[in-house]
C-alpha atoms as a PDB file:
ATOM      1  CA  MET A   1      -8.168   8.164 -36.205  1.00  0.00           C
ATOM      2  CA  PRO A   2      -6.310   6.763 -33.128  1.00  0.00           C
ATOM      3  CA  ARG A   3      -7.624   7.078 -29.702  1.00  0.00           C
ATOM      4  CA  ALA A   4      -5.621   8.368 -26.827  1.00  0.00           C
ATOM      5  CA  GLY A   5      -4.581   5.649 -24.232  1.00  0.00           C
ATOM      6  CA  PHE A   6      -1.860   3.660 -22.978  1.00  0.00           C
ATOM      7  CA  TYR A   7      -0.419   3.074 -26.424  1.00  0.00           C
ATOM      8  CA  ALA A   8       2.681   5.070 -25.526  1.00  0.00           C
ATOM      9  CA  VAL A   9       3.590   3.099 -22.577  1.00  0.00           C
ATOM     10  CA  GLU A  10       2.065  -0.427 -23.567  1.00  0.00           C
ATOM     11  CA  SER A  11       5.555  -1.281 -24.861  1.00  0.00           C
ATOM     12  CA  GLY A  12       7.228  -0.601 -21.686  1.00  0.00           C
ATOM     13  CA  LYS A  13       6.680  -2.602 -18.466  1.00  0.00           C
ATOM     14  CA  ILE A  14       4.637  -0.756 -15.942  1.00  0.00           C
ATOM     15  CA  SER A  15       5.320  -1.529 -12.226  1.00  0.00           C
ATOM     16  CA  PHE A  16       4.356  -0.353  -8.639  1.00  0.00           C
ATOM     17  CA  ARG A  17       7.375  -0.758  -6.461  1.00  0.00           C
ATOM     18  CA  ARG A  18       7.690  -1.179  -2.800  1.00  0.00           C
ATOM     19  CA  ASP A  19       9.162   2.341  -2.445  1.00  0.00           C
ATOM     20  CA  GLY A  20       5.704   3.547  -3.243  1.00  0.00           C
ATOM     21  CA  HIS A  21       6.681   4.648  -6.860  1.00  0.00           C
ATOM     22  CA  TRP A  22       5.598   3.774 -10.238  1.00  0.00           C
ATOM     23  CA  TYR A  23       7.898   2.789 -13.008  1.00  0.00           C
ATOM     24  CA  SER A  24       7.877   2.266 -16.737  1.00  0.00           C
ATOM     25  CA  ASP A  25      10.908  -0.006 -17.582  1.00  0.00           C
ATOM     26  CA  GLU A  26      13.391   1.104 -15.061  1.00  0.00           C
ATOM     27  CA  GLU A  27      12.459   4.725 -15.040  1.00  0.00           C
ATOM     28  CA  ARG A  28      10.632   6.285 -12.174  1.00  0.00           C
ATOM     29  CA  ILE A  29       7.461   7.994 -13.194  1.00  0.00           C
ATOM     30  CA  ASP A  30       7.817  11.422 -11.569  1.00  0.00           C
ATOM     31  CA  ASN A  31       4.766  13.223 -12.803  1.00  0.00           C
ATOM     32  CA  PRO A  32       2.356  13.426  -9.744  1.00  0.00           C
ATOM     33  CA  ARG A  33      -0.588  13.405 -11.675  1.00  0.00           C
ATOM     34  CA  ILE A  34       0.272  10.230 -13.644  1.00  0.00           C
ATOM     35  CA  ALA A  35       1.330   8.693 -10.504  1.00  0.00           C
ATOM     36  CA  LEU A  36      -2.022   9.534  -8.977  1.00  0.00           C
ATOM     37  CA  LEU A  37      -4.105   8.200 -12.142  1.00  0.00           C
ATOM     38  CA  PHE A  38      -2.296   5.013 -11.801  1.00  0.00           C
ATOM     39  CA  SER A  39      -2.767   4.444  -8.292  1.00  0.00           C
ATOM     40  CA  ARG A  40      -6.374   5.155  -8.510  1.00  0.00           C
ATOM     41  CA  SER A  41      -6.967   2.742 -11.756  1.00  0.00           C
ATOM     42  CA  ILE A  42      -5.331  -0.442 -10.207  1.00  0.00           C
ATOM     43  CA  ARG A  43      -7.584  -3.558 -10.588  1.00  0.00           C
ATOM     44  CA  ARG A  44      -6.943  -7.062  -9.609  1.00  0.00           C
ATOM     45  CA  ASN A  45      -7.755 -10.115 -11.678  1.00  0.00           C
ATOM     46  CA  PRO A  46      -9.466 -13.007 -10.612  1.00  0.00           C
ATOM     47  CA  GLU A  47      -6.243 -15.068 -10.429  1.00  0.00           C
ATOM     48  CA  GLY A  48      -4.475 -12.210  -8.626  1.00  0.00           C
ATOM     49  CA  SER A  49      -2.378 -10.262 -10.995  1.00  0.00           C
ATOM     50  CA  TYR A  50      -2.897  -6.631 -11.139  1.00  0.00           C
ATOM     51  CA  PHE A  51      -3.732  -4.306 -14.459  1.00  0.00           C
ATOM     52  CA  LEU A  52      -4.692  -0.492 -14.647  1.00  0.00           C
ATOM     53  CA  GLN A  53      -7.749   0.448 -16.264  1.00  0.00           C
ATOM     54  CA  VAL A  54      -8.361   3.782 -17.526  1.00  0.00           C
ATOM     55  CA  GLY A  55     -11.730   4.205 -19.435  1.00  0.00           C
ATOM     56  CA  ASP A  56     -11.828   1.244 -22.037  1.00  0.00           C
ATOM     57  CA  GLU A  57      -7.885   0.893 -21.964  1.00  0.00           C
ATOM     58  CA  ARG A  58      -6.057  -1.851 -19.988  1.00  0.00           C
ATOM     59  CA  ALA A  59      -2.266  -2.165 -19.425  1.00  0.00           C
ATOM     60  CA  SER A  60      -0.851  -5.183 -17.308  1.00  0.00           C
ATOM     61  CA  ILE A  61       1.447  -4.131 -14.409  1.00  0.00           C
ATOM     62  CA  THR A  62       3.881  -5.849 -11.694  1.00  0.00           C
ATOM     63  CA  VAL A  63       3.202  -5.068  -8.279  1.00  0.00           C
ATOM     64  CA  GLU A  64       6.311  -5.396  -6.370  1.00  0.00           C
ATOM     65  CA  ASP A  65       4.930  -5.995  -3.003  1.00  0.00           C
ATOM     66  CA  THR A  66       1.521  -4.235  -2.394  1.00  0.00           C
ATOM     67  CA  PRO A  67      -0.769  -2.395  -4.782  1.00  0.00           C
ATOM     68  CA  TYR A  68      -1.172   0.577  -1.987  1.00  0.00           C
ATOM     69  CA  VAL A  69       1.221   2.024   0.382  1.00  0.00           C
ATOM     70  CA  VAL A  70       0.532   4.129   3.456  1.00  0.00           C
ATOM     71  CA  LYS A  71       2.247   7.410   2.513  1.00  0.00           C
ATOM     72  CA  SER A  72       1.204   9.175   5.760  1.00  0.00           C
ATOM     73  CA  VAL A  73      -0.646   8.789   8.965  1.00  0.00           C
ATOM     74  CA  GLU A  74      -3.101  11.471  10.677  1.00  0.00           C
ATOM     75  CA  GLY A  75      -4.424  11.650  14.159  1.00  0.00           C
ATOM     76  CA  ASP A  76      -3.021  10.460  17.548  1.00  0.00           C
ATOM     77  CA  ALA A  77      -2.957   7.505  20.056  1.00  0.00           C
ATOM     78  CA  ALA A  78      -5.918   9.040  22.065  1.00  0.00           C
ATOM     79  CA  ALA A  79      -8.537   9.538  19.252  1.00  0.00           C
ATOM     80  CA  GLY A  80      -7.009   7.079  16.592  1.00  0.00           C
ATOM     81  CA  PHE A  81      -5.380   7.190  13.675  1.00  0.00           C
ATOM     82  CA  SER A  82      -6.329   7.525   9.849  1.00  0.00           C
ATOM     83  CA  VAL A  83      -4.072   6.444   6.802  1.00  0.00           C
ATOM     84  CA  VAL A  84      -3.344   8.174   3.479  1.00  0.00           C
ATOM     85  CA  LEU A  85      -2.821   5.927   0.843  1.00  0.00           C
ATOM     86  CA  ASN A  86      -0.968   6.504  -2.577  1.00  0.00           C
ATOM     87  CA  ASP A  87      -4.240   6.946  -4.380  1.00  0.00           C
ATOM     88  CA  GLU A  88      -5.063   9.838  -1.867  1.00  0.00           C
ATOM     89  CA  GLU A  89      -7.673   7.997  -0.046  1.00  0.00           C
ATOM     90  CA  ARG A  90      -8.004   8.398   3.545  1.00  0.00           C
ATOM     91  CA  GLU A  91      -9.533   5.704   5.934  1.00  0.00           C
ATOM     92  CA  PRO A  92      -9.406   4.917   9.549  1.00  0.00           C
ATOM     93  CA  LEU A  93      -6.449   2.564  10.554  1.00  0.00           C
ATOM     94  CA  ASP A  94      -7.723  -0.911  11.561  1.00  0.00           C
ATOM     95  CA  ALA A  95      -5.229  -1.599  14.475  1.00  0.00           C
ATOM     96  CA  SER A  96      -6.414  -5.129  14.522  1.00  0.00           C
ATOM     97  CA  SER A  97      -4.923  -5.546  11.079  1.00  0.00           C
ATOM     98  CA  LEU A  98      -1.275  -4.550  11.745  1.00  0.00           C
ATOM     99  CA  GLU A  99       1.288  -7.147  10.694  1.00  0.00           C
ATOM    100  CA  VAL A 100       4.940  -6.888  10.459  1.00  0.00           C
ATOM    101  CA  GLY A 101       6.800  -8.614   7.584  1.00  0.00           C
ATOM    102  CA  PRO A 102      10.333  -9.182   6.386  1.00  0.00           C
ATOM    103  CA  ASP A 103      12.949  -6.472   7.621  1.00  0.00           C
ATOM    104  CA  ASN A 104      10.238  -5.368  10.141  1.00  0.00           C
ATOM    105  CA  VAL A 105       8.319  -3.722   7.449  1.00  0.00           C
ATOM    106  CA  LEU A 106       4.603  -2.803   8.657  1.00  0.00           C
ATOM    107  CA  TYR A 107       1.474  -3.735   6.896  1.00  0.00           C
ATOM    108  CA  CYS A 108      -2.247  -3.050   7.529  1.00  0.00           C
ATOM    109  CA  ARG A 109      -5.361  -3.949   5.843  1.00  0.00           C
ATOM    110  CA  VAL A 110      -7.008  -1.436   3.601  1.00  0.00           C
ATOM    111  CA  LYS A 111     -10.028  -0.843   1.316  1.00  0.00           C
ATOM    112  CA  ASN A 112     -12.459  -2.785   3.486  1.00  0.00           C
ATOM    113  CA  GLY A 113     -10.005  -5.313   4.291  1.00  0.00           C
ATOM    114  CA  ALA A 114      -9.507  -6.607   0.598  1.00  0.00           C
ATOM    115  CA  PHE A 115      -5.858  -5.275   0.137  1.00  0.00           C
ATOM    116  CA  ARG A 116      -2.525  -5.155   2.171  1.00  0.00           C
ATOM    117  CA  ALA A 117      -0.642  -1.849   2.366  1.00  0.00           C
ATOM    118  CA  ARG A 118       2.850  -1.566   3.239  1.00  0.00           C
ATOM    119  CA  PHE A 119       3.854   1.421   5.370  1.00  0.00           C
ATOM    120  CA  LEU A 120       6.432   3.843   3.972  1.00  0.00           C
ATOM    121  CA  ARG A 121       8.941   5.018   6.530  1.00  0.00           C
ATOM    122  CA  PRO A 122       7.506   8.344   7.224  1.00  0.00           C
ATOM    123  CA  ALA A 123       3.964   7.016   8.173  1.00  0.00           C
ATOM    124  CA  TYR A 124       5.797   4.072  10.255  1.00  0.00           C
ATOM    125  CA  TYR A 125       7.629   6.815  12.185  1.00  0.00           C
ATOM    126  CA  HIS A 126       4.399   8.571  13.080  1.00  0.00           C
ATOM    127  CA  LEU A 127       3.120   5.389  14.803  1.00  0.00           C
ATOM    128  CA  SER A 128       6.363   4.275  16.461  1.00  0.00           C
ATOM    129  CA  ASP A 129       5.689   5.754  19.754  1.00  0.00           C
ATOM    130  CA  CYS A 130       2.734   3.586  20.011  1.00  0.00           C
ATOM    131  CA  LEU A 131       4.433   0.357  18.954  1.00  0.00           C
ATOM    132  CA  GLY A 132       5.964  -1.700  21.616  1.00  0.00           C
ATOM    133  CA  MET A 133       7.396  -5.202  22.425  1.00  0.00           C
ATOM    134  CA  ASP A 134       6.222  -7.451  25.515  1.00  0.00           C
ATOM    135  CA  ASP A 135       8.257  -9.568  27.643  1.00  0.00           C
ATOM    136  CA  ASN A 136       7.715 -12.485  25.185  1.00  0.00           C
ATOM    137  CA  GLY A 137       9.336 -10.629  22.319  1.00  0.00           C
ATOM    138  CA  GLU A 138       5.882  -9.776  20.917  1.00  0.00           C
ATOM    139  CA  PHE A 139       4.941  -6.618  19.163  1.00  0.00           C
ATOM    140  CA  PHE A 140       1.852  -4.585  20.293  1.00  0.00           C
ATOM    141  CA  PHE A 141       0.226  -1.496  19.237  1.00  0.00           C
ATOM    142  CA  ASN A 142      -1.282   1.110  21.700  1.00  0.00           C
ATOM    143  CA  VAL A 143      -4.103   3.417  20.794  1.00  0.00           C
ATOM    144  CA  GLY A 144      -7.335   4.561  22.404  1.00  0.00           C
ATOM    145  CA  GLY A 145      -6.471   2.873  25.632  1.00  0.00           C
ATOM    146  CA  ARG A 146      -6.187  -0.577  23.892  1.00  0.00           C
ATOM    147  CA  ARG A 147      -3.210  -2.852  23.092  1.00  0.00           C
ATOM    148  CA  TYR A 148      -3.481  -4.679  19.668  1.00  0.00           C
ATOM    149  CA  PRO A 149      -1.107  -7.546  18.973  1.00  0.00           C
ATOM    150  CA  VAL A 150       1.016  -7.089  15.835  1.00  0.00           C
ATOM    151  CA  HIS A 151       1.132 -10.354  14.223  1.00  0.00           C
ATOM    152  CA  GLN A 152       4.023 -11.849  12.029  1.00  0.00           C
ATOM    153  CA  ALA A 153       2.966 -11.302   8.269  1.00  0.00           C
ATOM    154  CA  PRO A 154       2.694 -14.704   6.673  1.00  0.00           C
ATOM    155  CA  PRO A 155       4.579 -14.987   3.553  1.00  0.00           C
ATOM    156  CA  GLN A 156       2.850 -14.082   0.466  1.00  0.00           C
ATOM    157  CA  ASP A 157       2.802 -14.096  -3.290  1.00  0.00           C
ATOM    158  CA  ASP A 158       3.932 -10.633  -4.249  1.00  0.00           C
ATOM    159  CA  ARG A 159       0.666 -10.455  -6.744  1.00  0.00           C
ATOM    160  CA  ARG A 160      -1.765 -11.657  -4.121  1.00  0.00           C
ATOM    161  CA  THR A 161      -2.187  -9.079  -1.418  1.00  0.00           C
END
């Protein structure tokens, strides 16, 4: 008797894209429970590629930019911020890890610094009042009475975040 698993999607190419959505081939996966299951099942191989692991089943995936995105931000500049990721985990925003990448995309480190996460537009806008630029053209982030530099993100291999 066949076991349930990824057999139905193994023939397709599963990807997590920079827009924060999962795709099978070129079709967006709109079922929120499947998207959440996939987001909670991301694993990284030692060489940096990604796969989904659900029980004993594995499926290779393509990660277009980062395996995690910041969907929303909670908190304020006085008390500090928390980020809500695509796997619905909440964690404090590490202001010292903020980086700006190509096209002024904002990133931070998550999962104890192990991964980069890309800010989706609504989350970025929540922080926008705390972002500024000094006289030298350098970005900074003000939170909790402190100013943190927002560094330029180094170019990275899309699979190694």
